[in-house]
Amino acid sequence: MAAVTVEDSVAAVVPIVVYWAYSGVHMALGHARVMDKYRLNTKAEEDTKNMVSKRAVLANVLMQHAMQLAAVAVLTVVRGGRGGATTPSTTSYLRAARQIAVAVVVFDAYRYAWHRLAHGNRFIYRHLHSWHHRIVVPYAFGAIYGHPVEALIADTAGGSLAILASGLPSSPPGATAVFLTLCTVQGIDNHCGLCLLPRRLRWVWNGAAHHGVHHLPRGVRHNFSDLFFVTWDRVFGTHLPYAVEERPGGEGLLLRTMPPKASSKNN
């Protein structure tokens, strides 16, 4: 049996530390008045519309992080360890960068496919994915809140597939940690409730606005792109156009959805 190495432990622990540190920064920013102009929902909406308490969300996320740590040990056994230590070179770093890019695309495609299936299949939605939509108004540390079984399918299995398919285990130490950390940061950005992404980048890159539309009642069957790229929605016809507008009174922003075939310069 392959032992869990220091590198494996780093790949498991670093994304979890980043999750709490980065979501903590977002939560702090969310309570700063200077950020009110970027908020997609009011604090009152966050407190009243969500169907699950933040205490329950906290417990769920901690459980999922424990599951992630356990998954590292399983993945180590499956791939049989890294082998002997090697000295990283420029070539190996370039290879790692390519493998991280491949892993991002593979995982992003997997997450889109699973997310769309989770909404298209009544059984899966009712018993698994509906947990995540108990958070109607997203916030940072609730980014991965959901049913434990769905976490295994969407996150653990999908992430492991992307890591193995891209060949990341053969890369220099830390490459897998970088990939998982990128996924962690992006997931938090998509749920932070602050529209910080420049308008021109929203055409291709995911963010709080695009994913926020998905959490709206009208957008629940659209905008399935779950992590990095919104291209999947545009290619497969599930994109729901939207506009980001100033809230009446100038206190923040609001999302206005439009007919699926419409186009807008604001989205």
C-alpha atoms as a PDB file:
ATOM      1  CA  MET A   1       0.000   0.000   0.000  1.00  0.00           C
ATOM      2  CA  ALA A   2       1.354   3.412  -0.993  1.00  0.00           C
ATOM      3  CA  ALA A   3       1.943   5.799   1.873  1.00  0.00           C
ATOM      4  CA  VAL A   4       0.498   9.297   1.941  1.00  0.00           C
ATOM      5  CA  THR A   5       3.449  11.598   1.276  1.00  0.00           C
ATOM      6  CA  VAL A   6       4.076  15.167   2.386  1.00  0.00           C
ATOM      7  CA  GLU A   7       3.200  16.274  -1.153  1.00  0.00           C
ATOM      8  CA  ASP A   8      -0.155  14.499  -0.943  1.00  0.00           C
ATOM      9  CA  SER A   9      -0.838  16.128   2.400  1.00  0.00           C
ATOM     10  CA  VAL A  10      -0.032  19.560   0.983  1.00  0.00           C
ATOM     11  CA  ALA A  11      -2.394  18.959  -1.952  1.00  0.00           C
ATOM     12  CA  ALA A  12      -5.145  18.088   0.526  1.00  0.00           C
ATOM     13  CA  VAL A  13      -4.560  20.673   3.249  1.00  0.00           C
ATOM     14  CA  VAL A  14      -3.634  23.803   1.277  1.00  0.00           C
ATOM     15  CA  PRO A  15      -6.973  24.105  -0.604  1.00  0.00           C
ATOM     16  CA  ILE A  16      -8.858  23.715   2.682  1.00  0.00           C
ATOM     17  CA  VAL A  17      -6.785  26.424   4.375  1.00  0.00           C
ATOM     18  CA  VAL A  18      -7.293  28.666   1.332  1.00  0.00           C
ATOM     19  CA  TYR A  19     -11.046  27.964   1.417  1.00  0.00           C
ATOM     20  CA  TRP A  20     -11.454  29.348   4.923  1.00  0.00           C
ATOM     21  CA  ALA A  21      -8.939  32.168   4.514  1.00  0.00           C
ATOM     22  CA  TYR A  22     -10.328  33.374   1.178  1.00  0.00           C
ATOM     23  CA  SER A  23     -13.975  33.000   2.148  1.00  0.00           C
ATOM     24  CA  GLY A  24     -13.135  34.852   5.365  1.00  0.00           C
ATOM     25  CA  VAL A  25     -11.753  37.734   3.316  1.00  0.00           C
ATOM     26  CA  HIS A  26     -14.934  37.786   1.221  1.00  0.00           C
ATOM     27  CA  MET A  27     -17.154  37.703   4.291  1.00  0.00           C
ATOM     28  CA  ALA A  28     -15.196  40.616   5.767  1.00  0.00           C
ATOM     29  CA  LEU A  29     -15.470  42.546   2.509  1.00  0.00           C
ATOM     30  CA  GLY A  30     -19.179  41.792   2.414  1.00  0.00           C
ATOM     31  CA  HIS A  31     -19.623  43.616   5.724  1.00  0.00           C
ATOM     32  CA  ALA A  32     -17.599  46.639   4.626  1.00  0.00           C
ATOM     33  CA  ARG A  33     -19.728  49.553   3.481  1.00  0.00           C
ATOM     34  CA  VAL A  34     -17.218  50.383   0.769  1.00  0.00           C
ATOM     35  CA  MET A  35     -18.210  47.113  -0.961  1.00  0.00           C
ATOM     36  CA  ASP A  36     -21.956  47.729  -0.819  1.00  0.00           C
ATOM     37  CA  LYS A  37     -21.954  49.017  -4.388  1.00  0.00           C
ATOM     38  CA  TYR A  38     -20.790  45.592  -5.602  1.00  0.00           C
ATOM     39  CA  ARG A  39     -23.316  43.504  -3.646  1.00  0.00           C
ATOM     40  CA  LEU A  40     -25.805  41.529  -5.734  1.00  0.00           C
ATOM     41  CA  ASN A  41     -28.081  40.969  -2.736  1.00  0.00           C
ATOM     42  CA  THR A  42     -28.778  42.915   0.404  1.00  0.00           C
ATOM     43  CA  LYS A  43     -27.769  41.575   3.802  1.00  0.00           C
ATOM     44  CA  ALA A  44     -31.469  41.351   4.672  1.00  0.00           C
ATOM     45  CA  GLU A  45     -32.068  39.098   1.636  1.00  0.00           C
ATOM     46  CA  GLU A  46     -29.160  36.887   2.670  1.00  0.00           C
ATOM     47  CA  ASP A  47     -30.664  36.454   6.129  1.00  0.00           C
ATOM     48  CA  THR A  48     -34.305  35.928   5.090  1.00  0.00           C
ATOM     49  CA  LYS A  49     -34.309  34.085   1.752  1.00  0.00           C
ATOM     50  CA  ASN A  50     -31.932  31.235   2.535  1.00  0.00           C
ATOM     51  CA  MET A  51     -33.544  28.012   3.730  1.00  0.00           C
ATOM     52  CA  VAL A  52     -30.622  26.707   5.773  1.00  0.00           C
ATOM     53  CA  SER A  53     -28.811  28.281   8.711  1.00  0.00           C
ATOM     54  CA  LYS A  54     -25.181  29.321   8.487  1.00  0.00           C
ATOM     55  CA  ARG A  55     -24.435  26.991  11.402  1.00  0.00           C
ATOM     56  CA  ALA A  56     -25.737  24.028   9.379  1.00  0.00           C
ATOM     57  CA  VAL A  57     -23.749  25.198   6.356  1.00  0.00           C
ATOM     58  CA  LEU A  58     -20.605  25.427   8.481  1.00  0.00           C
ATOM     59  CA  ALA A  59     -21.044  21.865   9.768  1.00  0.00           C
ATOM     60  CA  ASN A  60     -21.685  20.572   6.242  1.00  0.00           C
ATOM     61  CA  VAL A  61     -18.595  22.243   4.784  1.00  0.00           C
ATOM     62  CA  LEU A  62     -16.386  20.930   7.605  1.00  0.00           C
ATOM     63  CA  MET A  63     -17.684  17.425   6.926  1.00  0.00           C
ATOM     64  CA  GLN A  64     -16.905  17.788   3.223  1.00  0.00           C
ATOM     65  CA  HIS A  65     -13.373  18.888   3.995  1.00  0.00           C
ATOM     66  CA  ALA A  66     -12.924  15.777   6.154  1.00  0.00           C
ATOM     67  CA  MET A  67     -14.131  13.729   3.173  1.00  0.00           C
ATOM     68  CA  GLN A  68     -11.541  15.452   0.967  1.00  0.00           C
ATOM     69  CA  LEU A  69      -8.748  14.482   3.341  1.00  0.00           C
ATOM     70  CA  ALA A  70      -9.919  10.869   3.274  1.00  0.00           C
ATOM     71  CA  ALA A  71     -10.069  10.953  -0.524  1.00  0.00           C
ATOM     72  CA  VAL A  72      -6.367  11.832  -0.697  1.00  0.00           C
ATOM     73  CA  ALA A  73      -5.448   8.567   0.980  1.00  0.00           C
ATOM     74  CA  VAL A  74      -7.679   6.612  -1.407  1.00  0.00           C
ATOM     75  CA  LEU A  75      -6.280   8.377  -4.479  1.00  0.00           C
ATOM     76  CA  THR A  76      -2.732   7.675  -3.285  1.00  0.00           C
ATOM     77  CA  VAL A  77      -3.494   3.956  -3.124  1.00  0.00           C
ATOM     78  CA  VAL A  78      -5.132   3.984  -6.574  1.00  0.00           C
ATOM     79  CA  ARG A  79      -2.192   5.613  -8.323  1.00  0.00           C
ATOM     80  CA  GLY A  80       0.412   3.700  -6.289  1.00  0.00           C
ATOM     81  CA  GLY A  81       2.450   6.636  -4.992  1.00  0.00           C
ATOM     82  CA  ARG A  82       4.657   9.155  -6.776  1.00  0.00           C
ATOM     83  CA  GLY A  83       7.826   7.138  -6.914  1.00  0.00           C
ATOM     84  CA  GLY A  84      11.251   8.570  -6.260  1.00  0.00           C
ATOM     85  CA  ALA A  85      11.836  12.262  -5.681  1.00  0.00           C
ATOM     86  CA  THR A  86      13.066  14.301  -8.642  1.00  0.00           C
ATOM     87  CA  THR A  87      14.578  17.747  -8.959  1.00  0.00           C
ATOM     88  CA  PRO A  88      12.121  20.115 -10.683  1.00  0.00           C
ATOM     89  CA  SER A  89      13.348  21.798 -13.878  1.00  0.00           C
ATOM     90  CA  THR A  90      12.030  24.494 -16.196  1.00  0.00           C
ATOM     91  CA  THR A  91      10.704  21.794 -18.490  1.00  0.00           C
ATOM     92  CA  SER A  92       8.913  20.032 -15.655  1.00  0.00           C
ATOM     93  CA  TYR A  93       7.272  23.297 -14.569  1.00  0.00           C
ATOM     94  CA  LEU A  94       6.073  23.963 -18.108  1.00  0.00           C
ATOM     95  CA  ARG A  95       4.674  20.430 -18.241  1.00  0.00           C
ATOM     96  CA  ALA A  96       2.935  21.031 -14.922  1.00  0.00           C
ATOM     97  CA  ALA A  97       1.375  24.234 -16.271  1.00  0.00           C
ATOM     98  CA  ARG A  98       0.015  22.339 -19.285  1.00  0.00           C
ATOM     99  CA  GLN A  99      -1.314  19.572 -17.069  1.00  0.00           C
ATOM    100  CA  ILE A 100      -3.006  22.066 -14.756  1.00  0.00           C
ATOM    101  CA  ALA A 101      -4.666  23.655 -17.801  1.00  0.00           C
ATOM    102  CA  VAL A 102      -5.871  20.241 -18.987  1.00  0.00           C
ATOM    103  CA  ALA A 103      -7.147  19.393 -15.507  1.00  0.00           C
ATOM    104  CA  VAL A 104      -9.066  22.691 -15.355  1.00  0.00           C
ATOM    105  CA  VAL A 105     -10.805  21.990 -18.682  1.00  0.00           C
ATOM    106  CA  VAL A 106     -11.570  18.359 -17.820  1.00  0.00           C
ATOM    107  CA  PHE A 107     -12.961  19.230 -14.394  1.00  0.00           C
ATOM    108  CA  ASP A 108     -14.911  22.183 -15.738  1.00  0.00           C
ATOM    109  CA  ALA A 109     -16.539  20.025 -18.429  1.00  0.00           C
ATOM    110  CA  TYR A 110     -17.296  17.299 -15.887  1.00  0.00           C
ATOM    111  CA  ARG A 111     -18.881  19.775 -13.487  1.00  0.00           C
ATOM    112  CA  TYR A 112     -21.031  21.276 -16.236  1.00  0.00           C
ATOM    113  CA  ALA A 113     -22.247  17.842 -17.327  1.00  0.00           C
ATOM    114  CA  TRP A 114     -23.011  16.742 -13.774  1.00  0.00           C
ATOM    115  CA  HIS A 115     -24.684  20.037 -12.886  1.00  0.00           C
ATOM    116  CA  ARG A 116     -26.936  19.850 -15.929  1.00  0.00           C
ATOM    117  CA  LEU A 117     -27.817  16.227 -15.171  1.00  0.00           C
ATOM    118  CA  ALA A 118     -28.543  17.127 -11.538  1.00  0.00           C
ATOM    119  CA  HIS A 119     -31.181  19.592 -12.696  1.00  0.00           C
ATOM    120  CA  GLY A 120     -32.521  17.428 -15.513  1.00  0.00           C
ATOM    121  CA  ASN A 121     -33.090  14.322 -13.416  1.00  0.00           C
ATOM    122  CA  ARG A 122     -35.868  14.768 -10.857  1.00  0.00           C
ATOM    123  CA  PHE A 123     -34.552  12.055  -8.529  1.00  0.00           C
ATOM    124  CA  ILE A 124     -31.034  13.509  -8.419  1.00  0.00           C
ATOM    125  CA  TYR A 125     -32.297  17.038  -7.941  1.00  0.00           C
ATOM    126  CA  ARG A 126     -34.833  16.166  -5.251  1.00  0.00           C
ATOM    127  CA  HIS A 127     -32.572  13.929  -3.202  1.00  0.00           C
ATOM    128  CA  LEU A 128     -29.132  15.446  -3.831  1.00  0.00           C
ATOM    129  CA  HIS A 129     -28.727  18.752  -5.628  1.00  0.00           C
ATOM    130  CA  SER A 130     -31.668  20.538  -4.010  1.00  0.00           C
ATOM    131  CA  TRP A 131     -29.519  20.751  -0.873  1.00  0.00           C
ATOM    132  CA  HIS A 132     -27.252  23.287  -2.571  1.00  0.00           C
ATOM    133  CA  HIS A 133     -30.233  25.390  -3.653  1.00  0.00           C
ATOM    134  CA  ARG A 134     -31.351  25.795  -0.078  1.00  0.00           C
ATOM    135  CA  ILE A 135     -28.914  28.689  -0.321  1.00  0.00           C
ATOM    136  CA  VAL A 136     -30.953  31.040  -2.485  1.00  0.00           C
ATOM    137  CA  VAL A 137     -28.680  34.007  -1.839  1.00  0.00           C
ATOM    138  CA  PRO A 138     -25.105  32.660  -2.154  1.00  0.00           C
ATOM    139  CA  TYR A 139     -22.294  33.666   0.192  1.00  0.00           C
ATOM    140  CA  ALA A 140     -18.614  32.789   0.261  1.00  0.00           C
ATOM    141  CA  PHE A 141     -18.185  29.995   2.810  1.00  0.00           C
ATOM    142  CA  GLY A 142     -21.328  28.236   1.548  1.00  0.00           C
ATOM    143  CA  ALA A 143     -19.727  27.644  -1.856  1.00  0.00           C
ATOM    144  CA  ILE A 144     -19.491  23.850  -1.488  1.00  0.00           C
ATOM    145  CA  TYR A 145     -22.539  23.320   0.718  1.00  0.00           C
ATOM    146  CA  GLY A 146     -24.489  20.311  -0.527  1.00  0.00           C
ATOM    147  CA  HIS A 147     -25.409  16.677  -0.087  1.00  0.00           C
ATOM    148  CA  PRO A 148     -22.406  14.479   0.887  1.00  0.00           C
ATOM    149  CA  VAL A 149     -23.162  11.987  -1.905  1.00  0.00           C
ATOM    150  CA  GLU A 150     -23.171  14.754  -4.494  1.00  0.00           C
ATOM    151  CA  ALA A 151     -19.898  16.022  -3.056  1.00  0.00           C
ATOM    152  CA  LEU A 152     -18.376  12.602  -3.723  1.00  0.00           C
ATOM    153  CA  ILE A 153     -19.696  12.529  -7.288  1.00  0.00           C
ATOM    154  CA  ALA A 154     -19.156  16.141  -8.330  1.00  0.00           C
ATOM    155  CA  ASP A 155     -16.065  17.129  -6.365  1.00  0.00           C
ATOM    156  CA  THR A 156     -14.126  14.078  -5.240  1.00  0.00           C
ATOM    157  CA  ALA A 157     -14.715  11.852  -8.285  1.00  0.00           C
ATOM    158  CA  GLY A 158     -14.578  14.733 -10.753  1.00  0.00           C
ATOM    159  CA  GLY A 159     -11.435  16.226  -9.264  1.00  0.00           C
ATOM    160  CA  SER A 160      -9.721  12.835  -9.110  1.00  0.00           C
ATOM    161  CA  LEU A 161     -10.627  12.162 -12.754  1.00  0.00           C
ATOM    162  CA  ALA A 162      -9.167  15.508 -13.811  1.00  0.00           C
ATOM    163  CA  ILE A 163      -5.968  14.927 -11.816  1.00  0.00           C
ATOM    164  CA  LEU A 164      -5.409  11.436 -13.210  1.00  0.00           C
ATOM    165  CA  ALA A 165      -6.441  12.289 -16.796  1.00  0.00           C
ATOM    166  CA  SER A 166      -4.091  15.274 -16.911  1.00  0.00           C
ATOM    167  CA  GLY A 167      -1.128  13.371 -15.479  1.00  0.00           C
ATOM    168  CA  LEU A 168      -0.702  15.810 -12.591  1.00  0.00           C
ATOM    169  CA  PRO A 169       0.713  13.162 -10.209  1.00  0.00           C
ATOM    170  CA  SER A 170       3.862  13.066 -12.384  1.00  0.00           C
ATOM    171  CA  SER A 171       4.378  16.824 -12.103  1.00  0.00           C
ATOM    172  CA  PRO A 172       6.610  18.661  -9.604  1.00  0.00           C
ATOM    173  CA  PRO A 173       5.453  18.809  -5.982  1.00  0.00           C
ATOM    174  CA  GLY A 174       2.657  21.253  -5.439  1.00  0.00           C
ATOM    175  CA  ALA A 175       1.115  21.106  -8.940  1.00  0.00           C
ATOM    176  CA  THR A 176      -1.947  19.249  -7.711  1.00  0.00           C
ATOM    177  CA  ALA A 177      -2.268  21.688  -4.821  1.00  0.00           C
ATOM    178  CA  VAL A 178      -2.204  24.582  -7.291  1.00  0.00           C
ATOM    179  CA  PHE A 179      -4.984  23.010  -9.374  1.00  0.00           C
ATOM    180  CA  LEU A 180      -7.196  22.302  -6.365  1.00  0.00           C
ATOM    181  CA  THR A 181      -6.555  25.769  -4.951  1.00  0.00           C
ATOM    182  CA  LEU A 182      -7.573  27.396  -8.241  1.00  0.00           C
ATOM    183  CA  CYS A 183     -10.828  25.414  -8.122  1.00  0.00           C
ATOM    184  CA  THR A 184     -11.365  26.460  -4.510  1.00  0.00           C
ATOM    185  CA  VAL A 185     -10.823  30.164  -5.199  1.00  0.00           C
ATOM    186  CA  GLN A 186     -13.049  30.114  -8.279  1.00  0.00           C
ATOM    187  CA  GLY A 187     -15.860  28.342  -6.453  1.00  0.00           C
ATOM    188  CA  ILE A 188     -15.795  30.977  -3.719  1.00  0.00           C
ATOM    189  CA  ASP A 189     -15.726  33.808  -6.262  1.00  0.00           C
ATOM    190  CA  ASN A 190     -18.826  32.336  -7.922  1.00  0.00           C
ATOM    191  CA  HIS A 191     -20.726  32.324  -4.615  1.00  0.00           C
ATOM    192  CA  CYS A 192     -19.379  35.417  -2.876  1.00  0.00           C
ATOM    193  CA  GLY A 193     -22.310  37.658  -3.852  1.00  0.00           C
ATOM    194  CA  LEU A 194     -19.997  40.477  -4.948  1.00  0.00           C
ATOM    195  CA  CYS A 195     -19.915  41.387  -8.642  1.00  0.00           C
ATOM    196  CA  LEU A 196     -16.215  42.163  -9.020  1.00  0.00           C
ATOM    197  CA  LEU A 197     -15.573  40.651 -12.461  1.00  0.00           C
ATOM    198  CA  PRO A 198     -15.182  43.245 -15.262  1.00  0.00           C
ATOM    199  CA  ARG A 199     -18.092  43.224 -17.709  1.00  0.00           C
ATOM    200  CA  ARG A 200     -15.998  42.188 -20.724  1.00  0.00           C
ATOM    201  CA  LEU A 201     -14.702  39.087 -18.949  1.00  0.00           C
ATOM    202  CA  ARG A 202     -18.222  37.866 -18.084  1.00  0.00           C
ATOM    203  CA  TRP A 203     -18.646  36.662 -21.658  1.00  0.00           C
ATOM    204  CA  VAL A 204     -16.184  33.807 -21.055  1.00  0.00           C
ATOM    205  CA  TRP A 205     -15.304  33.689 -17.329  1.00  0.00           C
ATOM    206  CA  ASN A 206     -17.624  32.639 -14.538  1.00  0.00           C
ATOM    207  CA  GLY A 207     -18.352  34.790 -11.534  1.00  0.00           C
ATOM    208  CA  ALA A 208     -20.898  35.805  -8.923  1.00  0.00           C
ATOM    209  CA  ALA A 209     -23.243  37.350 -11.508  1.00  0.00           C
ATOM    210  CA  HIS A 210     -23.441  34.391 -13.908  1.00  0.00           C
ATOM    211  CA  HIS A 211     -23.795  31.863 -11.120  1.00  0.00           C
ATOM    212  CA  GLY A 212     -26.062  34.170  -9.172  1.00  0.00           C
ATOM    213  CA  VAL A 213     -28.542  33.994 -12.059  1.00  0.00           C
ATOM    214  CA  HIS A 214     -28.584  30.218 -11.669  1.00  0.00           C
ATOM    215  CA  HIS A 215     -29.644  30.597  -8.037  1.00  0.00           C
ATOM    216  CA  LEU A 216     -32.596  32.785  -9.045  1.00  0.00           C
ATOM    217  CA  PRO A 217     -35.977  31.019  -9.469  1.00  0.00           C
ATOM    218  CA  ARG A 218     -36.047  31.882 -13.176  1.00  0.00           C
ATOM    219  CA  GLY A 219     -32.442  30.880 -13.768  1.00  0.00           C
ATOM    220  CA  VAL A 220     -32.430  27.503 -12.037  1.00  0.00           C
ATOM    221  CA  ARG A 221     -32.605  25.646 -15.377  1.00  0.00           C
ATOM    222  CA  HIS A 222     -29.922  27.774 -16.974  1.00  0.00           C
ATOM    223  CA  ASN A 223     -26.295  28.801 -16.423  1.00  0.00           C
ATOM    224  CA  PHE A 224     -25.013  25.378 -15.405  1.00  0.00           C
ATOM    225  CA  SER A 225     -21.362  26.347 -15.908  1.00  0.00           C
ATOM    226  CA  ASP A 226     -20.131  25.663 -12.422  1.00  0.00           C
ATOM    227  CA  LEU A 227     -16.529  26.778 -12.095  1.00  0.00           C
ATOM    228  CA  PHE A 228     -14.321  28.524 -14.635  1.00  0.00           C
ATOM    229  CA  PHE A 229     -15.818  28.979 -18.090  1.00  0.00           C
ATOM    230  CA  VAL A 230     -19.331  30.047 -19.091  1.00  0.00           C
ATOM    231  CA  THR A 231     -18.550  28.777 -22.603  1.00  0.00           C
ATOM    232  CA  TRP A 232     -20.316  25.483 -21.874  1.00  0.00           C
ATOM    233  CA  ASP A 233     -23.629  27.287 -21.436  1.00  0.00           C
ATOM    234  CA  ARG A 234     -23.163  29.267 -24.639  1.00  0.00           C
ATOM    235  CA  VAL A 235     -22.167  26.217 -26.693  1.00  0.00           C
ATOM    236  CA  PHE A 236     -24.911  23.906 -25.393  1.00  0.00           C
ATOM    237  CA  GLY A 237     -27.731  26.457 -25.323  1.00  0.00           C
ATOM    238  CA  THR A 238     -28.230  26.763 -21.560  1.00  0.00           C
ATOM    239  CA  HIS A 239     -27.081  30.365 -21.187  1.00  0.00           C
ATOM    240  CA  LEU A 240     -29.643  32.780 -19.773  1.00  0.00           C
ATOM    241  CA  PRO A 241     -28.696  36.376 -20.629  1.00  0.00           C
ATOM    242  CA  TYR A 242     -28.780  38.888 -17.819  1.00  0.00           C
ATOM    243  CA  ALA A 243     -28.001  42.482 -16.990  1.00  0.00           C
ATOM    244  CA  VAL A 244     -26.253  43.773 -13.889  1.00  0.00           C
ATOM    245  CA  GLU A 245     -27.966  47.001 -12.889  1.00  0.00           C
ATOM    246  CA  GLU A 246     -27.788  49.454 -10.046  1.00  0.00           C
ATOM    247  CA  ARG A 247     -30.308  48.780  -7.328  1.00  0.00           C
ATOM    248  CA  PRO A 248     -32.920  51.530  -6.893  1.00  0.00           C
ATOM    249  CA  GLY A 249     -31.533  54.015  -4.414  1.00  0.00           C
ATOM    250  CA  GLY A 250     -27.965  53.175  -5.408  1.00  0.00           C
ATOM    251  CA  GLU A 251     -27.441  50.614  -2.640  1.00  0.00           C
ATOM    252  CA  GLY A 252     -25.771  47.794  -4.513  1.00  0.00           C
ATOM    253  CA  LEU A 253     -26.603  45.848  -7.672  1.00  0.00           C
ATOM    254  CA  LEU A 254     -29.330  43.521  -8.880  1.00  0.00           C
ATOM    255  CA  LEU A 255     -29.565  40.879 -11.590  1.00  0.00           C
ATOM    256  CA  ARG A 256     -32.196  41.224 -14.304  1.00  0.00           C
ATOM    257  CA  THR A 257     -32.695  38.160 -16.476  1.00  0.00           C
ATOM    258  CA  MET A 258     -33.767  38.344 -20.120  1.00  0.00           C
ATOM    259  CA  PRO A 259     -35.267  35.867 -22.603  1.00  0.00           C
ATOM    260  CA  PRO A 260     -32.752  33.107 -23.513  1.00  0.00           C
ATOM    261  CA  LYS A 261     -32.503  34.177 -27.160  1.00  0.00           C
ATOM    262  CA  ALA A 262     -31.953  37.824 -26.315  1.00  0.00           C
ATOM    263  CA  SER A 263     -28.552  39.372 -26.143  1.00  0.00           C
ATOM    264  CA  SER A 264     -27.253  42.146 -23.987  1.00  0.00           C
ATOM    265  CA  LYS A 265     -24.148  44.247 -23.830  1.00  0.00           C
ATOM    266  CA  ASN A 266     -24.324  44.103 -20.070  1.00  0.00           C
ATOM    267  CA  ASN A 267     -23.835  40.391 -19.475  1.00  0.00           C
END
